[in-house]
PDB file of N, CA and C in Angstrom:
ATOM      1  N   MET A   1     -51.579 -41.027 151.016  1.00  0.00           N
ATOM      2  CA  MET A   1     -50.874 -40.107 151.881  1.00  0.00           C
ATOM      3  C   MET A   1     -49.864 -39.338 151.036  1.00  0.00           C
ATOM      4  N   GLN A   2     -49.787 -38.059 151.259  1.00  0.00           N
ATOM      5  CA  GLN A   2     -48.893 -37.227 150.468  1.00  0.00           C
ATOM      6  C   GLN A   2     -47.506 -37.182 151.095  1.00  0.00           C
ATOM      7  N   ASP A   3     -46.543 -36.726 150.290  1.00  0.00           N
ATOM      8  CA  ASP A   3     -45.161 -36.669 150.747  1.00  0.00           C
ATOM      9  C   ASP A   3     -44.997 -35.809 151.995  1.00  0.00           C
ATOM     10  N   GLU A   4     -45.693 -34.681 152.059  1.00  0.00           N
ATOM     11  CA  GLU A   4     -45.584 -33.802 153.226  1.00  0.00           C
ATOM     12  C   GLU A   4     -46.066 -34.514 154.483  1.00  0.00           C
ATOM     13  N   GLU A   5     -47.155 -35.254 154.362  1.00  0.00           N
ATOM     14  CA  GLU A   5     -47.679 -35.996 155.507  1.00  0.00           C
ATOM     15  C   GLU A   5     -46.700 -37.092 155.933  1.00  0.00           C
ATOM     16  N   LYS A   6     -46.110 -37.772 154.950  1.00  0.00           N
ATOM     17  CA  LYS A   6     -45.142 -38.821 155.254  1.00  0.00           C
ATOM     18  C   LYS A   6     -43.921 -38.239 155.969  1.00  0.00           C
ATOM     19  N   ASP A   7     -43.448 -37.103 155.494  1.00  0.00           N
ATOM     20  CA  ASP A   7     -42.302 -36.451 156.128  1.00  0.00           C
ATOM     21  C   ASP A   7     -42.638 -36.038 157.564  1.00  0.00           C
ATOM     22  N   HIS A   8     -43.832 -35.493 157.739  1.00  0.00           N
ATOM     23  CA  HIS A   8     -44.266 -35.070 159.068  1.00  0.00           C
ATOM     24  C   HIS A   8     -44.335 -36.265 160.019  1.00  0.00           C
ATOM     25  N   LEU A   9     -44.910 -37.361 159.564  1.00  0.00           N
ATOM     26  CA  LEU A   9     -45.000 -38.568 160.397  1.00  0.00           C
ATOM     27  C   LEU A   9     -43.615 -39.136 160.687  1.00  0.00           C
ATOM     28  N   ALA A  10     -42.732 -39.089 159.712  1.00  0.00           N
ATOM     29  CA  ALA A  10     -41.370 -39.582 159.912  1.00  0.00           C
ATOM     30  C   ALA A  10     -40.659 -38.772 160.992  1.00  0.00           C
ATOM     31  N   LYS A  11     -40.869 -37.454 161.000  1.00  0.00           N
ATOM     32  CA  LYS A  11     -40.258 -36.597 162.019  1.00  0.00           C
ATOM     33  C   LYS A  11     -40.832 -36.896 163.402  1.00  0.00           C
ATOM     34  N   ILE A  12     -42.122 -37.132 163.456  1.00  0.00           N
ATOM     35  CA  ILE A  12     -42.759 -37.476 164.739  1.00  0.00           C
ATOM     36  C   ILE A  12     -42.185 -38.785 165.270  1.00  0.00           C
ATOM     37  N   ILE A  13     -42.072 -39.777 164.410  1.00  0.00           N
ATOM     38  CA  ILE A  13     -41.533 -41.084 164.810  1.00  0.00           C
ATOM     39  C   ILE A  13     -40.086 -40.948 165.260  1.00  0.00           C
ATOM     40  N   GLU A  14     -39.307 -40.155 164.546  1.00  0.00           N
ATOM     41  CA  GLU A  14     -37.907 -39.929 164.908  1.00  0.00           C
ATOM     42  C   GLU A  14     -37.810 -39.287 166.300  1.00  0.00           C
ATOM     43  N   GLY A  15     -38.654 -38.309 166.556  1.00  0.00           N
ATOM     44  CA  GLY A  15     -38.664 -37.658 167.867  1.00  0.00           C
ATOM     45  C   GLY A  15     -39.042 -38.613 168.980  1.00  0.00           C
ATOM     46  N   LEU A  16     -40.019 -39.467 168.720  1.00  0.00           N
ATOM     47  CA  LEU A  16     -40.426 -40.454 169.721  1.00  0.00           C
ATOM     48  C   LEU A  16     -39.309 -41.454 169.992  1.00  0.00           C
ATOM     49  N   ASN A  17     -38.618 -41.871 168.954  1.00  0.00           N
ATOM     50  CA  ASN A  17     -37.499 -42.797 169.123  1.00  0.00           C
ATOM     51  C   ASN A  17     -36.378 -42.168 169.954  1.00  0.00           C
ATOM     52  N   GLU A  18     -36.116 -40.879 169.747  1.00  0.00           N
ATOM     53  CA  GLU A  18     -35.095 -40.180 170.521  1.00  0.00           C
ATOM     54  C   GLU A  18     -35.495 -40.103 171.991  1.00  0.00           C
ATOM     55  N   ARG A  19     -36.754 -39.798 172.248  1.00  0.00           N
ATOM     56  CA  ARG A  19     -37.233 -39.729 173.634  1.00  0.00           C
ATOM     57  C   ARG A  19     -37.131 -41.088 174.316  1.00  0.00           C
ATOM     58  N   LEU A  20     -37.486 -42.135 173.579  1.00  0.00           N
ATOM     59  CA  LEU A  20     -37.415 -43.489 174.124  1.00  0.00           C
ATOM     60  C   LEU A  20     -35.973 -43.845 174.460  1.00  0.00           C
ATOM     61  N   ALA A  21     -35.042 -43.522 173.575  1.00  0.00           N
ATOM     62  CA  ALA A  21     -33.626 -43.821 173.820  1.00  0.00           C
ATOM     63  C   ALA A  21     -33.119 -43.079 175.057  1.00  0.00           C
ATOM     64  N   LYS A  22     -33.525 -41.816 175.213  1.00  0.00           N
ATOM     65  CA  LYS A  22     -33.111 -41.046 176.393  1.00  0.00           C
ATOM     66  C   LYS A  22     -33.674 -41.659 177.668  1.00  0.00           C
ATOM     67  N   ALA A  23     -34.928 -42.065 177.624  1.00  0.00           N
ATOM     68  CA  ALA A  23     -35.565 -42.663 178.800  1.00  0.00           C
ATOM     69  C   ALA A  23     -34.880 -43.977 179.175  1.00  0.00           C
ATOM     70  N   GLU A  24     -34.536 -44.781 178.167  1.00  0.00           N
ATOM     71  CA  GLU A  24     -33.853 -46.050 178.442  1.00  0.00           C
ATOM     72  C   GLU A  24     -32.475 -45.797 179.041  1.00  0.00           C
ATOM     73  N   GLY A  25     -31.764 -44.806 178.522  1.00  0.00           N
ATOM     74  CA  GLY A  25     -30.457 -44.462 179.054  1.00  0.00           C
ATOM     75  C   GLY A  25     -30.532 -43.979 180.481  1.00  0.00           C
ATOM     76  N   LYS A  26     -31.540 -43.180 180.766  1.00  0.00           N
ATOM     77  CA  LYS A  26     -31.726 -42.669 182.131  1.00  0.00           C
ATOM     78  C   LYS A  26     -32.032 -43.822 183.086  1.00  0.00           C
ATOM     79  N   ALA A  27     -32.880 -44.754 182.657  1.00  0.00           N
ATOM     80  CA  ALA A  27     -33.223 -45.899 183.502  1.00  0.00           C
ATOM     81  C   ALA A  27     -31.995 -46.755 183.778  1.00  0.00           C
ATOM     82  N   GLU A  28     -31.157 -46.973 182.756  1.00  0.00           N
ATOM     83  CA  GLU A  28     -29.938 -47.748 182.951  1.00  0.00           C
ATOM     84  C   GLU A  28     -29.000 -47.045 183.931  1.00  0.00           C
ATOM     85  N   GLY A  29     -28.901 -45.724 183.806  1.00  0.00           N
ATOM     86  CA  GLY A  29     -28.052 -44.960 184.717  1.00  0.00           C
ATOM     87  C   GLY A  29     -28.545 -45.040 186.151  1.00  0.00           C
ATOM     88  N   THR A  30     -29.842 -44.982 186.333  1.00  0.00           N
ATOM     89  CA  THR A  30     -30.428 -45.073 187.669  1.00  0.00           C
ATOM     90  C   THR A  30     -30.151 -46.442 188.285  1.00  0.00           C
ATOM     91  N   LEU A  31     -30.274 -47.494 187.496  1.00  0.00           N
ATOM     92  CA  LEU A  31     -29.980 -48.834 188.004  1.00  0.00           C
ATOM     93  C   LEU A  31     -28.504 -48.963 188.375  1.00  0.00           C
ATOM     94  N   GLU A  32     -27.640 -48.374 187.575  1.00  0.00           N
ATOM     95  CA  GLU A  32     -26.208 -48.415 187.860  1.00  0.00           C
ATOM     96  C   GLU A  32     -25.895 -47.690 189.173  1.00  0.00           C
ATOM     97  N   ILE A  33     -26.537 -46.553 189.383  1.00  0.00           N
ATOM     98  CA  ILE A  33     -26.353 -45.820 190.644  1.00  0.00           C
ATOM     99  C   ILE A  33     -26.819 -46.690 191.820  1.00  0.00           C
ATOM    100  N   ALA A  34     -27.976 -47.317 191.668  1.00  0.00           N
ATOM    101  CA  ALA A  34     -28.493 -48.176 192.736  1.00  0.00           C
ATOM    102  C   ALA A  34     -27.532 -49.327 193.020  1.00  0.00           C
ATOM    103  N   LYS A  35     -27.002 -49.954 191.989  1.00  0.00           N
ATOM    104  CA  LYS A  35     -26.048 -51.054 192.170  1.00  0.00           C
ATOM    105  C   LYS A  35     -24.809 -50.576 192.919  1.00  0.00           C
ATOM    106  N   ASN A  36     -24.303 -49.427 192.529  1.00  0.00           N
ATOM    107  CA  ASN A  36     -23.110 -48.889 193.184  1.00  0.00           C
ATOM    108  C   ASN A  36     -23.384 -48.550 194.650  1.00  0.00           C
ATOM    109  N   MET A  37     -24.553 -47.985 194.918  1.00  0.00           N
ATOM    110  CA  MET A  37     -24.905 -47.660 196.303  1.00  0.00           C
ATOM    111  C   MET A  37     -25.015 -48.924 197.147  1.00  0.00           C
ATOM    112  N   LEU A  38     -25.633 -49.959 196.594  1.00  0.00           N
ATOM    113  CA  LEU A  38     -25.758 -51.222 197.327  1.00  0.00           C
ATOM    114  C   LEU A  38     -24.378 -51.818 197.587  1.00  0.00           C
ATOM    115  N   ALA A  39     -23.493 -51.729 196.601  1.00  0.00           N
ATOM    116  CA  ALA A  39     -22.140 -52.257 196.764  1.00  0.00           C
ATOM    117  C   ALA A  39     -21.384 -51.509 197.859  1.00  0.00           C
ATOM    118  N   LYS A  40     -21.725 -50.235 198.051  1.00  0.00           N
ATOM    119  CA  LYS A  40     -21.080 -49.428 199.087  1.00  0.00           C
ATOM    120  C   LYS A  40     -21.736 -49.599 200.455  1.00  0.00           C
ATOM    121  N   GLY A  41     -22.834 -50.388 200.509  1.00  0.00           N
ATOM    122  CA  GLY A  41     -23.464 -50.687 201.784  1.00  0.00           C
ATOM    123  C   GLY A  41     -24.593 -49.760 202.199  1.00  0.00           C
ATOM    124  N   PHE A  42     -25.102 -48.944 201.282  1.00  0.00           N
ATOM    125  CA  PHE A  42     -26.228 -48.079 201.628  1.00  0.00           C
ATOM    126  C   PHE A  42     -27.464 -48.927 201.896  1.00  0.00           C
ATOM    127  N   SER A  43     -28.339 -48.431 202.765  1.00  0.00           N
ATOM    128  CA  SER A  43     -29.566 -49.157 203.090  1.00  0.00           C
ATOM    129  C   SER A  43     -30.530 -49.117 201.904  1.00  0.00           C
ATOM    130  N   LEU A  44     -31.452 -50.069 201.904  1.00  0.00           N
ATOM    131  CA  LEU A  44     -32.466 -50.110 200.842  1.00  0.00           C
ATOM    132  C   LEU A  44     -33.263 -48.813 200.805  1.00  0.00           C
ATOM    133  N   GLU A  45     -33.589 -48.305 201.980  1.00  0.00           N
ATOM    134  CA  GLU A  45     -34.390 -47.082 202.052  1.00  0.00           C
ATOM    135  C   GLU A  45     -33.643 -45.884 201.464  1.00  0.00           C
ATOM    136  N   THR A  46     -32.336 -45.804 201.730  1.00  0.00           N
ATOM    137  CA  THR A  46     -31.543 -44.707 201.189  1.00  0.00           C
ATOM    138  C   THR A  46     -31.439 -44.814 199.671  1.00  0.00           C
ATOM    139  N   VAL A  47     -31.217 -46.023 199.177  1.00  0.00           N
ATOM    140  CA  VAL A  47     -31.140 -46.239 197.729  1.00  0.00           C
ATOM    141  C   VAL A  47     -32.463 -45.852 197.079  1.00  0.00           C
ATOM    142  N   GLN A  48     -33.556 -46.226 197.711  1.00  0.00           N
ATOM    143  CA  GLN A  48     -34.878 -45.890 197.181  1.00  0.00           C
ATOM    144  C   GLN A  48     -35.089 -44.378 197.164  1.00  0.00           C
ATOM    145  N   GLU A  49     -34.704 -43.718 198.242  1.00  0.00           N
ATOM    146  CA  GLU A  49     -34.892 -42.278 198.344  1.00  0.00           C
ATOM    147  C   GLU A  49     -34.071 -41.533 197.282  1.00  0.00           C
ATOM    148  N   VAL A  50     -32.834 -41.957 197.083  1.00  0.00           N
ATOM    149  CA  VAL A  50     -31.944 -41.272 196.139  1.00  0.00           C
ATOM    150  C   VAL A  50     -32.325 -41.545 194.691  1.00  0.00           C
ATOM    151  N   THR A  51     -32.643 -42.806 194.379  1.00  0.00           N
ATOM    152  CA  THR A  51     -32.886 -43.181 192.975  1.00  0.00           C
ATOM    153  C   THR A  51     -34.349 -43.067 192.547  1.00  0.00           C
ATOM    154  N   GLY A  52     -35.260 -43.174 193.525  1.00  0.00           N
ATOM    155  CA  GLY A  52     -36.676 -43.172 193.179  1.00  0.00           C
ATOM    156  C   GLY A  52     -37.174 -44.513 192.663  1.00  0.00           C
ATOM    157  N   LEU A  53     -36.325 -45.533 192.729  1.00  0.00           N
ATOM    158  CA  LEU A  53     -36.730 -46.864 192.266  1.00  0.00           C
ATOM    159  C   LEU A  53     -37.686 -47.501 193.267  1.00  0.00           C
ATOM    160  N   PRO A  54     -38.586 -48.354 192.780  1.00  0.00           N
ATOM    161  CA  PRO A  54     -39.460 -49.081 193.703  1.00  0.00           C
ATOM    162  C   PRO A  54     -38.641 -50.036 194.571  1.00  0.00           C
ATOM    163  N   LEU A  55     -39.068 -50.220 195.804  1.00  0.00           N
ATOM    164  CA  LEU A  55     -38.362 -51.091 196.733  1.00  0.00           C
ATOM    165  C   LEU A  55     -38.213 -52.500 196.176  1.00  0.00           C
ATOM    166  N   VAL A  56     -39.220 -52.976 195.480  1.00  0.00           N
ATOM    167  CA  VAL A  56     -39.181 -54.328 194.899  1.00  0.00           C
ATOM    168  C   VAL A  56     -38.021 -54.450 193.907  1.00  0.00           C
ATOM    169  N   GLU A  57     -37.790 -53.413 193.120  1.00  0.00           N
ATOM    170  CA  GLU A  57     -36.715 -53.446 192.139  1.00  0.00           C
ATOM    171  C   GLU A  57     -35.344 -53.433 192.825  1.00  0.00           C
ATOM    172  N   ILE A  58     -35.237 -52.680 193.898  1.00  0.00           N
ATOM    173  CA  ILE A  58     -33.975 -52.629 194.647  1.00  0.00           C
ATOM    174  C   ILE A  58     -33.716 -53.975 195.317  1.00  0.00           C
ATOM    175  N   GLN A  59     -34.770 -54.581 195.848  1.00  0.00           N
ATOM    176  CA  GLN A  59     -34.630 -55.898 196.469  1.00  0.00           C
ATOM    177  C   GLN A  59     -34.196 -56.928 195.430  1.00  0.00           C
ATOM    178  N   ALA A  60     -34.687 -56.798 194.204  1.00  0.00           N
ATOM    179  CA  ALA A  60     -34.267 -57.706 193.133  1.00  0.00           C
ATOM    180  C   ALA A  60     -32.780 -57.528 192.834  1.00  0.00           C
ATOM    181  N   LEU A  61     -32.301 -56.286 192.879  1.00  0.00           N
ATOM    182  CA  LEU A  61     -30.867 -56.042 192.695  1.00  0.00           C
ATOM    183  C   LEU A  61     -30.068 -56.687 193.824  1.00  0.00           C
ATOM    184  N   MET A  62     -30.598 -56.597 195.042  1.00  0.00           N
ATOM    185  CA  MET A  62     -29.927 -57.199 196.192  1.00  0.00           C
ATOM    186  C   MET A  62     -29.877 -58.722 196.052  1.00  0.00           C
ATOM    187  N   ALA A  63     -30.953 -59.304 195.557  1.00  0.00           N
ATOM    188  CA  ALA A  63     -31.018 -60.758 195.400  1.00  0.00           C
ATOM    189  C   ALA A  63     -30.021 -61.240 194.359  1.00  0.00           C
ATOM    190  N   ASN A  64     -29.697 -60.379 193.412  1.00  0.00           N
ATOM    191  CA  ASN A  64     -28.765 -60.726 192.347  1.00  0.00           C
ATOM    192  C   ASN A  64     -27.439 -60.019 192.602  1.00  0.00           C
ATOM    193  N   LYS A  65     -26.836 -60.291 193.749  1.00  0.00           N
ATOM    194  CA  LYS A  65     -25.619 -59.579 194.155  1.00  0.00           C
ATOM    195  C   LYS A  65     -24.463 -59.806 193.208  1.00  0.00           C
ATOM    196  N   SER A  66     -24.504 -60.864 192.414  1.00  0.00           N
ATOM    197  CA  SER A  66     -23.395 -61.084 191.485  1.00  0.00           C
ATOM    198  C   SER A  66     -23.301 -59.955 190.470  1.00  0.00           C
ATOM    199  N   SER A  67     -24.417 -59.255 190.253  1.00  0.00           N
ATOM    200  CA  SER A  67     -24.389 -58.136 189.315  1.00  0.00           C
ATOM    201  C   SER A  67     -23.999 -56.829 189.999  1.00  0.00           C
ATOM    202  N   VAL A  68     -23.949 -56.844 191.336  1.00  0.00           N
ATOM    203  CA  VAL A  68     -23.585 -55.647 192.081  1.00  0.00           C
ATOM    204  C   VAL A  68     -22.089 -55.707 192.351  1.00  0.00           C
ATOM    205  N   LYS A  69     -21.335 -54.873 191.649  1.00  0.00           N
ATOM    206  CA  LYS A  69     -19.886 -54.876 191.774  1.00  0.00           C
ATOM    207  C   LYS A  69     -19.411 -53.533 192.287  1.00  0.00           C
ATOM    208  N   GLU A  70     -18.264 -53.553 192.894  1.00  0.00           N
ATOM    209  CA  GLU A  70     -17.638 -52.323 193.376  1.00  0.00           C
ATOM    210  C   GLU A  70     -17.333 -51.444 192.169  1.00  0.00           C
ATOM    211  N   PRO A  71     -17.753 -50.180 192.199  1.00  0.00           N
ATOM    212  CA  PRO A  71     -17.459 -49.305 191.065  1.00  0.00           C
ATOM    213  C   PRO A  71     -15.961 -49.051 190.972  1.00  0.00           C
ATOM    214  N   PRO A  72     -15.459 -48.748 189.772  1.00  0.00           N
ATOM    215  CA  PRO A  72     -14.032 -48.493 189.644  1.00  0.00           C
ATOM    216  C   PRO A  72     -13.618 -47.255 190.419  1.00  0.00           C
ATOM    217  N   ALA A  73     -12.395 -47.264 190.874  1.00  0.00           N
ATOM    218  CA  ALA A  73     -11.870 -46.128 191.622  1.00  0.00           C
ATOM    219  C   ALA A  73     -11.724 -44.932 190.685  1.00  0.00           C
ATOM    220  N   PRO A  74     -12.022 -43.730 191.182  1.00  0.00           N
ATOM    221  CA  PRO A  74     -11.911 -42.560 190.311  1.00  0.00           C
ATOM    222  C   PRO A  74     -10.461 -42.259 189.959  1.00  0.00           C
ATOM    223  N   TYR A  75     -10.253 -41.780 188.751  1.00  0.00           N
ATOM    224  CA  TYR A  75      -8.945 -41.329 188.276  1.00  0.00           C
ATOM    225  C   TYR A  75      -7.885 -42.405 188.340  1.00  0.00           C
ATOM    226  N   GLY A  76      -8.275 -43.651 188.188  1.00  0.00           N
ATOM    227  CA  GLY A  76      -7.310 -44.731 188.124  1.00  0.00           C
ATOM    228  C   GLY A  76      -6.699 -45.121 189.457  1.00  0.00           C
ATOM    229  N   ARG A  77      -7.149 -44.504 190.547  1.00  0.00           N
ATOM    230  CA  ARG A  77      -6.616 -44.877 191.859  1.00  0.00           C
ATOM    231  C   ARG A  77      -7.186 -46.212 192.290  1.00  0.00           C
ATOM    232  N   ARG A  78      -6.381 -46.950 192.977  1.00  0.00           N
ATOM    233  CA  ARG A  78      -6.864 -48.209 193.515  1.00  0.00           C
ATOM    234  C   ARG A  78      -7.390 -47.979 194.928  1.00  0.00           C
ATOM    235  N   PRO A  79      -8.467 -48.668 195.287  1.00  0.00           N
ATOM    236  CA  PRO A  79      -8.994 -48.489 196.634  1.00  0.00           C
ATOM    237  C   PRO A  79      -7.986 -48.982 197.666  1.00  0.00           C
ATOM    238  N   ARG A  80      -7.965 -48.300 198.796  1.00  0.00           N
ATOM    239  CA  ARG A  80      -7.081 -48.707 199.868  1.00  0.00           C
ATOM    240  C   ARG A  80      -7.576 -49.992 200.511  1.00  0.00           C
ATOM    241  N   LYS A  81      -6.616 -50.833 200.891  1.00  0.00           N
ATOM    242  CA  LYS A  81      -6.987 -52.033 201.603  1.00  0.00           C
ATOM    243  C   LYS A  81      -7.170 -51.678 203.070  1.00  0.00           C
ATOM    244  N   PRO A  82      -8.190 -52.267 203.718  1.00  0.00           N
ATOM    245  CA  PRO A  82      -8.396 -51.952 205.134  1.00  0.00           C
ATOM    246  C   PRO A  82      -7.228 -52.474 205.965  1.00  0.00           C
ATOM    247  N   LYS A  83      -6.886 -51.706 207.002  1.00  0.00           N
ATOM    248  CA  LYS A  83      -5.814 -52.111 207.904  1.00  0.00           C
ATOM    249  C   LYS A  83      -6.308 -53.246 208.779  1.00  0.00           C
ATOM    250  N   THR A  84      -5.443 -54.224 208.959  1.00  0.00           N
ATOM    251  CA  THR A  84      -5.832 -55.376 209.789  1.00  0.00           C
ATOM    252  C   THR A  84      -5.088 -55.404 211.074  1.00  0.00           C
TER     253      THR A  84
END
């Protein structure tokens, strides 16, 4: 294999690695959105519609509620406590 071919293949591999990293990041972001929606009490159907995740995957998130946490308040504000 010649140097030009090696360089060309290296560029192809680099591009594929970048695409894979972007796809993994997008998937992680989608799961985070689903977790936050579940923590806010959205229905499974709504979470599925918004995120496009399979219902089975959302149900798995529900089953593992310890990983579903309230998202941090925006701009450092603390959430209000409900009036009793």
